[in-house]
Amino acid sequence: MHDQIILMDKHAGIILALRDTSQEWYVSSLAKAANTTYVHASIFVSRCEKLGIVKSEKHGKSKVVKLTESGAKVAEMVLAIYGIVRPMQQTVSKEEKKN
C-alpha cells in the first residue's frame, strides 16, 4: 500500500505487463494483467500514447499495444522504483507489527 504513494499499482502493472513481448497485448488483456477495468486501462493507454510511452496498431477491431523506446525506459524506471520501495515497505510493515 505504501508504494502507491509513488506509483499507482494499476498503471505500473500495465506498463510492466507491456515489457513481456512474448505476446500481443490488447487493452482487455492489459486490464486483466493489471487487475483493473477495460475503461481504466483504455484511458491510461490513451494517455500513454499521447506521451509517447506506448503505441498501438489496429488489428481488425482491436488495438495491439506496445511500448515505445521511451516507454521501455519508463518501464525500467518503474522496476527500479519498485526495487527500492518494496524492501522499504517490508521494513515498515515489520515495524508496524512490532508496535
N, C-alpha and C. Protein backbone atom coordinates (compact mmCIF):
# COMPACT_ATOMS: atom_id res chain seq x y z
N MET A 1 0.81 -1.20 0.00
CA MET A 1 0.00 0.00 0.00
C MET A 1 0.86 1.26 0.00
N HIS A 2 2.00 1.22 0.69
CA HIS A 2 2.86 2.40 0.75
C HIS A 2 3.45 2.76 -0.59
N ASP A 3 3.64 1.75 -1.49
CA ASP A 3 4.24 2.04 -2.79
C ASP A 3 3.30 2.85 -3.67
N GLN A 4 2.03 2.91 -3.32
CA GLN A 4 1.08 3.71 -4.09
C GLN A 4 1.33 5.20 -3.93
N ILE A 5 2.12 5.55 -2.94
CA ILE A 5 2.47 6.95 -2.77
C ILE A 5 3.25 7.42 -3.99
N ILE A 6 4.10 6.57 -4.52
CA ILE A 6 4.95 6.93 -5.65
C ILE A 6 4.33 6.46 -6.97
N LEU A 7 3.85 5.24 -7.00
CA LEU A 7 3.30 4.65 -8.21
C LEU A 7 1.91 4.11 -7.96
N MET A 8 1.06 4.29 -8.93
CA MET A 8 -0.26 3.67 -8.84
C MET A 8 -0.13 2.26 -9.39
N ASP A 9 -0.45 1.27 -8.59
CA ASP A 9 -0.23 -0.13 -8.95
C ASP A 9 -0.82 -0.52 -10.30
N LYS A 10 -2.01 -0.07 -10.58
CA LYS A 10 -2.66 -0.49 -11.83
C LYS A 10 -1.98 0.12 -13.04
N HIS A 11 -1.55 1.36 -12.94
CA HIS A 11 -0.82 1.99 -14.04
C HIS A 11 0.52 1.29 -14.22
N ALA A 12 1.23 1.08 -13.12
CA ALA A 12 2.52 0.41 -13.19
C ALA A 12 2.35 -1.01 -13.73
N GLY A 13 1.28 -1.66 -13.34
CA GLY A 13 1.01 -3.02 -13.82
C GLY A 13 0.86 -3.08 -15.33
N ILE A 14 0.22 -2.08 -15.89
CA ILE A 14 0.06 -2.02 -17.34
C ILE A 14 1.41 -1.82 -18.01
N ILE A 15 2.17 -0.86 -17.52
CA ILE A 15 3.50 -0.58 -18.09
C ILE A 15 4.39 -1.81 -17.98
N LEU A 16 4.39 -2.46 -16.83
CA LEU A 16 5.25 -3.62 -16.64
C LEU A 16 4.78 -4.82 -17.46
N ALA A 17 3.49 -4.98 -17.63
CA ALA A 17 2.98 -6.08 -18.47
C ALA A 17 3.48 -5.94 -19.90
N LEU A 18 3.53 -4.71 -20.38
CA LEU A 18 3.96 -4.47 -21.75
C LEU A 18 5.43 -4.83 -22.00
N ARG A 19 6.19 -5.02 -20.94
CA ARG A 19 7.58 -5.46 -21.10
C ARG A 19 7.65 -6.87 -21.66
N ASP A 20 6.62 -7.65 -21.42
CA ASP A 20 6.55 -9.03 -21.92
C ASP A 20 6.18 -9.00 -23.40
N THR A 21 7.17 -9.15 -24.24
CA THR A 21 6.93 -9.09 -25.68
C THR A 21 6.64 -10.46 -26.29
N SER A 22 6.48 -11.48 -25.44
CA SER A 22 6.20 -12.81 -25.95
C SER A 22 4.74 -12.97 -26.37
N GLN A 23 3.94 -11.95 -26.10
CA GLN A 23 2.53 -11.99 -26.50
C GLN A 23 2.09 -10.63 -27.01
N GLU A 24 0.97 -10.63 -27.71
CA GLU A 24 0.39 -9.37 -28.14
C GLU A 24 -0.51 -8.87 -27.03
N TRP A 25 -0.40 -7.60 -26.72
CA TRP A 25 -1.18 -7.01 -25.65
C TRP A 25 -2.32 -6.16 -26.23
N TYR A 26 -3.52 -6.51 -25.85
CA TYR A 26 -4.71 -5.74 -26.18
C TYR A 26 -5.12 -5.00 -24.91
N VAL A 27 -5.92 -3.99 -25.05
CA VAL A 27 -6.36 -3.24 -23.86
C VAL A 27 -7.03 -4.20 -22.87
N SER A 28 -7.83 -5.12 -23.38
CA SER A 28 -8.52 -6.06 -22.49
C SER A 28 -7.53 -6.95 -21.73
N SER A 29 -6.48 -7.43 -22.39
CA SER A 29 -5.51 -8.28 -21.70
C SER A 29 -4.66 -7.46 -20.72
N LEU A 30 -4.40 -6.21 -21.06
CA LEU A 30 -3.69 -5.33 -20.12
C LEU A 30 -4.53 -5.07 -18.88
N ALA A 31 -5.82 -4.86 -19.08
CA ALA A 31 -6.72 -4.63 -17.95
C ALA A 31 -6.71 -5.83 -17.02
N LYS A 32 -6.76 -7.01 -17.61
CA LYS A 32 -6.75 -8.24 -16.80
C LYS A 32 -5.42 -8.39 -16.06
N ALA A 33 -4.31 -8.14 -16.76
CA ALA A 33 -2.99 -8.27 -16.13
C ALA A 33 -2.81 -7.29 -14.98
N ALA A 34 -3.39 -6.11 -15.09
CA ALA A 34 -3.24 -5.08 -14.05
C ALA A 34 -4.39 -5.10 -13.05
N ASN A 35 -5.30 -6.05 -13.20
CA ASN A 35 -6.45 -6.18 -12.30
C ASN A 35 -7.26 -4.89 -12.23
N THR A 36 -7.60 -4.38 -13.41
CA THR A 36 -8.38 -3.16 -13.49
C THR A 36 -9.46 -3.34 -14.56
N THR A 37 -10.26 -2.32 -14.76
CA THR A 37 -11.32 -2.40 -15.74
C THR A 37 -10.80 -2.05 -17.13
N TYR A 38 -11.55 -2.46 -18.13
CA TYR A 38 -11.22 -2.15 -19.51
C TYR A 38 -11.17 -0.63 -19.71
N VAL A 39 -12.16 0.06 -19.16
CA VAL A 39 -12.24 1.51 -19.34
C VAL A 39 -11.02 2.19 -18.71
N HIS A 40 -10.66 1.80 -17.51
CA HIS A 40 -9.50 2.39 -16.84
C HIS A 40 -8.24 2.15 -17.67
N ALA A 41 -8.05 0.92 -18.14
CA ALA A 41 -6.88 0.59 -18.94
C ALA A 41 -6.88 1.37 -20.25
N SER A 42 -8.04 1.49 -20.87
CA SER A 42 -8.15 2.21 -22.14
C SER A 42 -7.78 3.68 -21.98
N ILE A 43 -8.26 4.30 -20.93
CA ILE A 43 -7.95 5.71 -20.67
C ILE A 43 -6.45 5.87 -20.42
N PHE A 44 -5.87 4.98 -19.62
CA PHE A 44 -4.44 5.07 -19.33
C PHE A 44 -3.61 4.85 -20.59
N VAL A 45 -3.98 3.88 -21.41
CA VAL A 45 -3.26 3.63 -22.66
C VAL A 45 -3.33 4.85 -23.57
N SER A 46 -4.50 5.48 -23.65
CA SER A 46 -4.64 6.69 -24.48
C SER A 46 -3.72 7.80 -23.98
N ARG A 47 -3.65 7.98 -22.68
CA ARG A 47 -2.76 9.00 -22.10
C ARG A 47 -1.31 8.67 -22.40
N CYS A 48 -0.96 7.41 -22.28
CA CYS A 48 0.42 6.99 -22.56
C CYS A 48 0.77 7.17 -24.03
N GLU A 49 -0.20 6.97 -24.92
CA GLU A 49 0.04 7.21 -26.34
C GLU A 49 0.36 8.68 -26.60
N LYS A 50 -0.39 9.56 -25.96
CA LYS A 50 -0.16 11.00 -26.13
C LYS A 50 1.21 11.40 -25.61
N LEU A 51 1.70 10.69 -24.59
CA LEU A 51 3.01 10.98 -24.01
C LEU A 51 4.15 10.29 -24.77
N GLY A 52 3.80 9.41 -25.69
CA GLY A 52 4.81 8.70 -26.46
C GLY A 52 5.40 7.50 -25.75
N ILE A 53 4.71 7.02 -24.72
CA ILE A 53 5.19 5.87 -23.95
C ILE A 53 4.78 4.56 -24.63
N VAL A 54 3.60 4.55 -25.23
CA VAL A 54 3.13 3.36 -25.94
C VAL A 54 2.66 3.76 -27.33
N LYS A 55 2.57 2.76 -28.18
CA LYS A 55 1.96 2.95 -29.49
C LYS A 55 0.99 1.81 -29.69
N SER A 56 -0.01 2.04 -30.50
CA SER A 56 -0.97 0.97 -30.76
C SER A 56 -1.18 0.84 -32.26
N GLU A 57 -1.50 -0.36 -32.66
CA GLU A 57 -1.77 -0.67 -34.06
C GLU A 57 -3.11 -1.38 -34.12
N LYS A 58 -3.92 -1.01 -35.09
CA LYS A 58 -5.20 -1.67 -35.28
C LYS A 58 -4.99 -3.06 -35.86
N HIS A 59 -5.59 -4.03 -35.26
CA HIS A 59 -5.65 -5.40 -35.77
C HIS A 59 -7.13 -5.77 -35.80
N GLY A 60 -7.76 -5.53 -36.92
CA GLY A 60 -9.19 -5.73 -37.00
C GLY A 60 -9.89 -4.68 -36.16
N LYS A 61 -10.75 -5.14 -35.26
CA LYS A 61 -11.46 -4.22 -34.38
C LYS A 61 -10.65 -3.88 -33.12
N SER A 62 -9.60 -4.63 -32.89
CA SER A 62 -8.80 -4.46 -31.67
C SER A 62 -7.53 -3.68 -31.94
N LYS A 63 -6.96 -3.15 -30.85
CA LYS A 63 -5.68 -2.45 -30.92
C LYS A 63 -4.64 -3.28 -30.18
N VAL A 64 -3.50 -3.48 -30.82
CA VAL A 64 -2.37 -4.12 -30.16
C VAL A 64 -1.50 -2.99 -29.61
N VAL A 65 -1.16 -3.08 -28.34
CA VAL A 65 -0.42 -2.02 -27.65
C VAL A 65 1.00 -2.50 -27.38
N LYS A 66 1.97 -1.62 -27.64
CA LYS A 66 3.38 -1.92 -27.41
C LYS A 66 4.06 -0.72 -26.79
N LEU A 67 5.12 -1.00 -26.03
CA LEU A 67 5.94 0.08 -25.50
C LEU A 67 6.77 0.69 -26.63
N THR A 68 6.96 1.98 -26.57
CA THR A 68 7.91 2.65 -27.47
C THR A 68 9.29 2.53 -26.83
N GLU A 69 10.30 3.04 -27.47
CA GLU A 69 11.63 3.05 -26.89
C GLU A 69 11.63 3.84 -25.59
N SER A 70 10.95 4.98 -25.59
CA SER A 70 10.82 5.78 -24.37
C SER A 70 10.04 5.03 -23.31
N GLY A 71 9.01 4.32 -23.73
CA GLY A 71 8.20 3.54 -22.80
C GLY A 71 8.99 2.43 -22.14
N ALA A 72 9.89 1.81 -22.89
CA ALA A 72 10.74 0.77 -22.32
C ALA A 72 11.63 1.36 -21.23
N LYS A 73 12.11 2.58 -21.44
CA LYS A 73 12.92 3.25 -20.42
C LYS A 73 12.08 3.55 -19.18
N VAL A 74 10.84 3.98 -19.40
CA VAL A 74 9.93 4.25 -18.27
C VAL A 74 9.69 2.97 -17.49
N ALA A 75 9.46 1.86 -18.20
CA ALA A 75 9.23 0.58 -17.54
C ALA A 75 10.42 0.18 -16.68
N GLU A 76 11.63 0.40 -17.17
CA GLU A 76 12.82 0.09 -16.39
C GLU A 76 12.90 0.96 -15.14
N MET A 77 12.49 2.22 -15.28
CA MET A 77 12.47 3.12 -14.12
C MET A 77 11.44 2.67 -13.09
N VAL A 78 10.30 2.21 -13.56
CA VAL A 78 9.26 1.70 -12.65
C VAL A 78 9.81 0.50 -11.88
N LEU A 79 10.48 -0.41 -12.59
CA LEU A 79 11.09 -1.56 -11.91
C LEU A 79 12.11 -1.10 -10.87
N ALA A 80 12.90 -0.11 -11.22
CA ALA A 80 13.91 0.39 -10.28
C ALA A 80 13.25 0.99 -9.04
N ILE A 81 12.18 1.74 -9.25
CA ILE A 81 11.46 2.33 -8.10
C ILE A 81 10.90 1.23 -7.22
N TYR A 82 10.28 0.22 -7.83
CA TYR A 82 9.76 -0.90 -7.04
C TYR A 82 10.87 -1.61 -6.29
N GLY A 83 12.04 -1.71 -6.91
CA GLY A 83 13.17 -2.36 -6.25
C GLY A 83 13.61 -1.62 -5.00
N ILE A 84 13.42 -0.32 -4.99
CA ILE A 84 13.77 0.49 -3.82
C ILE A 84 12.63 0.51 -2.80
N VAL A 85 11.41 0.71 -3.28
CA VAL A 85 10.27 0.92 -2.39
C VAL A 85 9.80 -0.37 -1.72
N ARG A 86 9.78 -1.47 -2.44
CA ARG A 86 9.26 -2.72 -1.86
C ARG A 86 10.04 -3.18 -0.63
N PRO A 87 11.38 -3.19 -0.66
CA PRO A 87 12.11 -3.57 0.57
C PRO A 87 11.82 -2.60 1.73
N MET A 88 11.70 -1.33 1.41
CA MET A 88 11.38 -0.34 2.45
C MET A 88 9.99 -0.62 3.01
N GLN A 89 9.06 -1.01 2.14
CA GLN A 89 7.69 -1.30 2.56
C GLN A 89 7.69 -2.48 3.52
N GLN A 90 8.51 -3.50 3.23
CA GLN A 90 8.58 -4.67 4.10
C GLN A 90 9.12 -4.29 5.47
N THR A 91 10.10 -3.40 5.50
CA THR A 91 10.67 -2.94 6.77
C THR A 91 9.62 -2.18 7.58
N VAL A 92 8.88 -1.30 6.92
CA VAL A 92 7.82 -0.54 7.59
C VAL A 92 6.76 -1.49 8.14
N SER A 93 6.37 -2.49 7.35
CA SER A 93 5.34 -3.45 7.79
C SER A 93 5.81 -4.21 9.03
N LYS A 94 7.07 -4.62 9.07
CA LYS A 94 7.60 -5.34 10.23
C LYS A 94 7.58 -4.44 11.46
N GLU A 95 7.94 -3.18 11.29
CA GLU A 95 7.95 -2.23 12.41
C GLU A 95 6.53 -1.97 12.90
N GLU A 96 5.57 -1.90 11.99
CA GLU A 96 4.17 -1.67 12.37
C GLU A 96 3.64 -2.85 13.17
N LYS A 97 4.05 -4.07 12.81
CA LYS A 97 3.60 -5.27 13.51
C LYS A 97 4.16 -5.31 14.93
N LYS A 98 5.38 -4.79 15.11
CA LYS A 98 6.00 -4.76 16.44
C LYS A 98 5.25 -3.82 17.38
N ASN A 99 4.74 -2.73 16.82
CA ASN A 99 4.06 -1.72 17.65
C ASN A 99 2.67 -2.11 17.82
